[in-house]
Protein backbone atom coordinates (compact mmCIF):
# COMPACT_ATOMS: atom_id res chain seq x y z
CA MET A 1 -20.79 -5.96 -18.92
CA LYS A 2 -17.81 -7.27 -17.71
CA VAL A 3 -15.74 -9.13 -20.54
CA ARG A 4 -14.29 -12.54 -19.60
CA LEU A 5 -10.69 -13.05 -21.11
CA THR A 6 -9.55 -16.62 -22.15
CA HIS A 7 -6.52 -18.34 -20.45
CA ARG A 8 -4.37 -17.17 -23.97
CA GLN A 9 -5.71 -13.54 -23.38
CA LYS A 10 -4.60 -13.38 -19.75
CA SER A 11 -1.11 -14.87 -20.68
CA ARG A 12 -0.52 -12.16 -23.29
CA ARG A 13 -1.69 -9.74 -20.59
CA ALA A 14 0.79 -10.84 -18.26
CA MET A 15 3.80 -11.07 -20.49
CA GLU A 16 2.47 -7.52 -21.73
CA ALA A 17 2.96 -6.24 -17.90
CA TYR A 18 6.12 -8.22 -17.51
CA MET A 19 7.71 -6.55 -20.32
CA GLU A 20 6.67 -2.86 -19.47
CA MET A 21 8.02 -3.62 -16.11
CA ILE A 22 11.35 -4.62 -17.22
CA ASP A 23 11.59 -2.19 -19.89
CA THR A 24 10.73 0.58 -17.30
CA ALA A 25 13.07 -0.70 -14.83
CA ASP A 26 15.77 -0.47 -17.40
CA TRP A 27 15.31 3.10 -18.33
CA LEU A 28 15.17 4.01 -14.97
CA LYS A 29 18.74 2.50 -14.00
CA GLY A 30 19.79 4.28 -17.29
CA GLU A 31 18.45 7.46 -16.35
CA LEU A 32 19.80 7.03 -12.69
CA ARG A 33 23.31 5.44 -13.85
CA VAL A 34 25.05 8.56 -15.15
CA PRO A 35 25.14 10.55 -12.12
CA LEU A 36 26.49 7.52 -10.31
CA GLU A 37 29.23 6.73 -12.57
CA SER A 38 30.54 10.38 -11.98
CA PHE A 39 31.50 9.05 -8.39
CA ASP A 40 32.63 5.44 -9.70
CA LEU A 41 29.34 4.24 -7.88
CA THR A 42 26.78 1.76 -8.55
CA MET A 43 23.16 1.56 -7.71
CA GLY A 44 23.80 -1.56 -5.48
CA GLU A 45 26.79 0.29 -3.57
CA LEU A 46 24.56 3.41 -3.05
CA ARG A 47 22.17 1.20 -1.34
CA LEU A 48 24.78 -0.26 0.57
CA LEU A 49 26.04 3.34 2.07
CA GLU A 50 22.23 4.27 2.43
CA LEU A 51 21.87 1.07 4.26
CA LEU A 52 25.06 1.70 6.64
CA ASP A 53 23.83 5.16 7.09
CA ARG A 54 20.70 4.48 8.38
CA ARG A 55 21.35 1.45 10.54
CA GLY A 56 25.07 1.81 11.63
CA ALA A 57 27.65 -1.15 11.39
CA LEU A 58 26.45 -4.30 10.34
CA THR A 59 27.43 -8.07 9.91
CA THR A 60 27.83 -9.40 5.97
CA ARG A 61 25.00 -11.96 7.03
CA ASP A 62 22.58 -8.52 7.90
CA VAL A 63 23.47 -6.96 4.96
CA MET A 64 22.57 -9.84 2.75
CA ARG A 65 19.90 -10.07 4.81
CA ALA A 66 18.67 -6.85 4.15
CA ARG A 67 19.53 -6.58 0.58
CA LYS A 68 18.72 -9.84 -0.75
CA ALA A 69 22.30 -10.21 -1.86
CA LYS A 70 24.98 -13.02 -2.21
CA LYS A 71 28.06 -13.07 0.28
CA GLU A 72 30.53 -12.82 -2.61
CA ASN A 73 28.43 -9.66 -3.99
CA VAL A 74 28.29 -7.92 -0.67
CA ARG A 75 32.09 -8.54 -0.05
CA ARG A 76 32.97 -7.24 -3.37
CA MET A 77 30.78 -3.82 -2.53
CA VAL A 78 32.49 -3.58 0.86
CA LYS A 79 35.98 -3.91 -0.52
CA HIS A 80 35.61 -1.29 -3.04
CA LEU A 81 34.00 1.22 -0.91
CA GLU A 82 36.43 0.38 1.66
CA ARG A 83 39.36 1.45 -1.04
CA ARG A 84 37.31 4.72 -1.63
CA GLY A 85 37.84 5.16 2.32
CA TRP A 86 34.04 5.39 2.79
CA VAL A 87 33.55 2.28 4.74
CA GLY A 88 35.63 0.64 7.13
CA GLN A 89 35.80 -3.03 8.81
CA ARG A 90 36.23 -4.44 11.93
CA ILE A 91 36.57 -7.45 13.95
CA VAL A 92 34.22 -7.69 16.82
CA THR A 93 33.81 -9.93 19.31
CA LEU A 94 30.12 -11.31 20.21
CA PRO A 95 28.57 -11.90 23.75
CA PRO A 96 28.95 -15.59 24.60
CA VAL A 97 26.18 -17.60 24.65
CA GLU A 98 25.51 -18.57 28.42
CA PHE A 99 25.09 -22.33 29.40
CA GLU A 100 24.07 -23.80 32.80
CA ASP A 101 26.75 -25.36 34.63
CA SER A 102 24.92 -28.53 34.70
CA HIS A 103 25.43 -28.50 30.57
CA LYS A 104 29.44 -28.05 31.13
CA ALA A 105 31.96 -30.67 31.73
CA LYS A 106 33.25 -30.44 35.61
CA SER A 107 36.66 -29.52 34.30
CA ARG A 108 35.35 -26.80 32.66
CA ARG A 109 32.85 -25.26 34.36
CA TRP A 110 35.39 -22.35 35.60
CA GLU A 111 36.78 -21.39 32.11
CA ARG A 112 35.37 -18.08 30.86
CA ARG A 113 33.65 -18.64 27.52
CA ARG A 114 34.60 -16.30 24.67
CA GLY A 115 32.28 -14.92 22.21
CA LYS A 116 32.43 -15.59 18.29
CA LEU A 117 34.72 -13.44 16.26
CA ILE A 118 33.10 -11.50 13.17
CA GLY A 119 33.45 -8.71 11.08
CA VAL A 120 31.63 -5.63 10.54
CA ALA A 121 31.38 -3.04 8.23
CA GLY A 122 30.28 0.61 8.75
CA LEU A 123 31.05 4.22 7.31
CA THR A 124 33.69 5.95 7.92
CA ALA A 125 33.46 10.12 8.77
CA ALA A 126 34.17 10.45 5.22
CA GLY A 127 31.64 7.78 3.99
CA LYS A 128 28.91 9.83 6.22
CA ASN A 129 29.89 13.14 4.92
CA PHE A 130 29.64 11.58 1.23
CA ILE A 131 26.58 10.14 1.61
CA HIS A 132 24.76 12.75 3.13
CA ASP A 133 25.69 15.23 0.14
CA VAL A 134 25.22 12.41 -2.37
CA LEU A 135 21.94 10.85 -1.18
CA PRO A 136 19.98 14.31 -1.28
CA ARG A 137 20.60 15.20 -4.98
CA HIS A 138 19.60 11.55 -5.98
CA THR A 139 16.54 11.39 -4.00
CA LYS A 140 16.00 14.81 -5.96
CA LEU A 141 16.58 13.05 -9.69
CA VAL A 142 14.39 10.47 -8.51
CA LYS A 143 11.62 12.62 -7.34
CA SER A 144 12.05 14.69 -10.57
CA LEU A 145 11.26 11.73 -12.76
CA PHE A 146 8.37 10.42 -10.63
CA ARG A 147 6.35 13.91 -10.85
CA VAL A 148 5.02 12.35 -13.80
CA LEU A 149 2.75 10.25 -11.37
CA ASP A 150 0.43 11.75 -8.82
CA SER A 151 0.61 10.91 -5.40
CA ARG A 152 -2.19 8.16 -5.36
CA GLU A 153 -0.53 6.40 -8.56
CA GLN A 154 2.73 6.13 -6.59
CA MET A 155 1.34 4.90 -4.00
CA SER A 156 -0.57 2.30 -6.10
CA MET A 157 2.58 1.33 -7.71
CA ILE A 158 4.53 1.06 -4.55
CA ARG A 159 1.65 -1.61 -2.96
CA MET A 160 1.43 -3.65 -6.75
CA CYS A 161 5.49 -4.05 -6.58
CA ARG A 162 5.56 -5.11 -2.92
CA LYS A 163 2.54 -7.55 -3.69
CA LEU A 164 4.24 -9.08 -6.74
CA ARG A 165 7.46 -9.50 -4.65
CA GLU A 166 5.42 -11.36 -1.75
CA GLY A 167 3.54 -13.81 -4.19
CA ASP A 168 0.59 -15.90 -3.68
CA PRO A 169 2.07 -19.67 -3.39
CA VAL A 170 -1.78 -20.87 -3.90
CA LYS A 171 -2.69 -19.03 -6.98
CA PHE A 172 1.09 -19.73 -8.29
CA PHE A 173 0.58 -23.15 -8.32
CA ARG A 174 -2.87 -23.32 -9.24
CA GLU A 175 -1.72 -21.59 -12.44
CA ILE A 176 1.35 -23.80 -13.04
CA ARG A 177 -0.99 -27.08 -12.32
CA LEU A 178 -3.54 -25.41 -14.95
CA MET A 179 -0.55 -25.34 -17.35
CA ASP A 180 0.46 -28.78 -16.84
CA GLU A 181 -3.16 -30.26 -17.76
CA GLU A 182 -3.57 -28.21 -20.51
CA GLY A 183 -0.28 -29.23 -21.94
CA GLU A 184 -1.49 -32.76 -21.24
CA ALA A 185 -5.23 -32.06 -22.43
CA ALA A 186 -3.28 -30.41 -25.91
CA GLU A 187 -1.20 -33.76 -26.03
CA LEU A 188 -4.28 -36.01 -25.83
CA ARG A 189 -5.98 -33.56 -28.29
CA ASP A 190 -3.24 -33.96 -30.90
CA LYS A 191 -2.94 -37.58 -30.40
CA ALA A 192 -6.97 -38.00 -30.78
CA MET A 193 -6.69 -35.84 -34.08
CA ALA A 194 -3.67 -37.90 -35.28
CA GLN A 195 -5.94 -41.37 -34.57
CA LEU A 196 -9.16 -39.87 -36.19
CA GLU A 197 -6.73 -39.10 -39.23
CA ARG A 198 -5.55 -42.38 -39.76
CA LEU A 199 -9.24 -43.98 -39.20
CA ALA A 200 -10.47 -41.72 -41.89
CA ALA A 201 -7.71 -42.61 -44.09
CA ARG A 202 -8.57 -46.37 -43.96
CA PRO A 203 -11.86 -46.45 -46.18
CA ARG A 204 -10.20 -43.81 -48.78
CA MET A 205 -7.16 -46.56 -49.15
CA ARG A 206 -9.96 -49.56 -49.24
CA GLY A 207 -11.98 -47.47 -52.00
CA ARG A 208 -8.55 -47.19 -54.21
CA ALA A 209 -7.78 -50.93 -53.37
CA LEU A 210 -11.10 -51.93 -55.01
CA ARG A 211 -10.74 -49.50 -57.87
CA PHE A 212 -7.72 -51.16 -58.66
CA ARG A 213 -8.60 -54.74 -58.80
CA ARG A 214 -11.73 -53.79 -61.22
């Protein structure tokens, strides 16, 4: 027979899952941090090098979108990797946006349009050699740590992590609304209990007053 959990038990279970995930992520980062620190490299910088190696030169906006990172963090990583000689930056011109002649002023129809100047970052030859040497070692270490899980468990973990990141807006707002309703119900219950206590205290006070009068 399937046991139906209460809302409080579900909350405790969700909190336990959250704490286990955070502890595991911290443990995994700690296990992988030491080899990277020997190269004066952070996990974010390693993933940036891998991204540039896999997709080629990218703009800051492309890196922000791919890594879901802020502009300041991307620029800081690029500058650090550039000082190490692994990443180079260059200003390139995008192709101009074409407009129909009817949308241009007559005096400017013969002007040659110029594209927007943007900066792109890409791996240098040294950067490619470095990532091709370090990434296989890093991958081997990750694989060794994950050997405790079989292939089915690893695939299940991948699906669960992706599902958690994608989220479910309907379930999310339903749960938030339920929490608000429970909070309001608890507040009304506390007010009702306080009112009942005050009503129950009145007869006792009247009985005491009558005894004093006698």
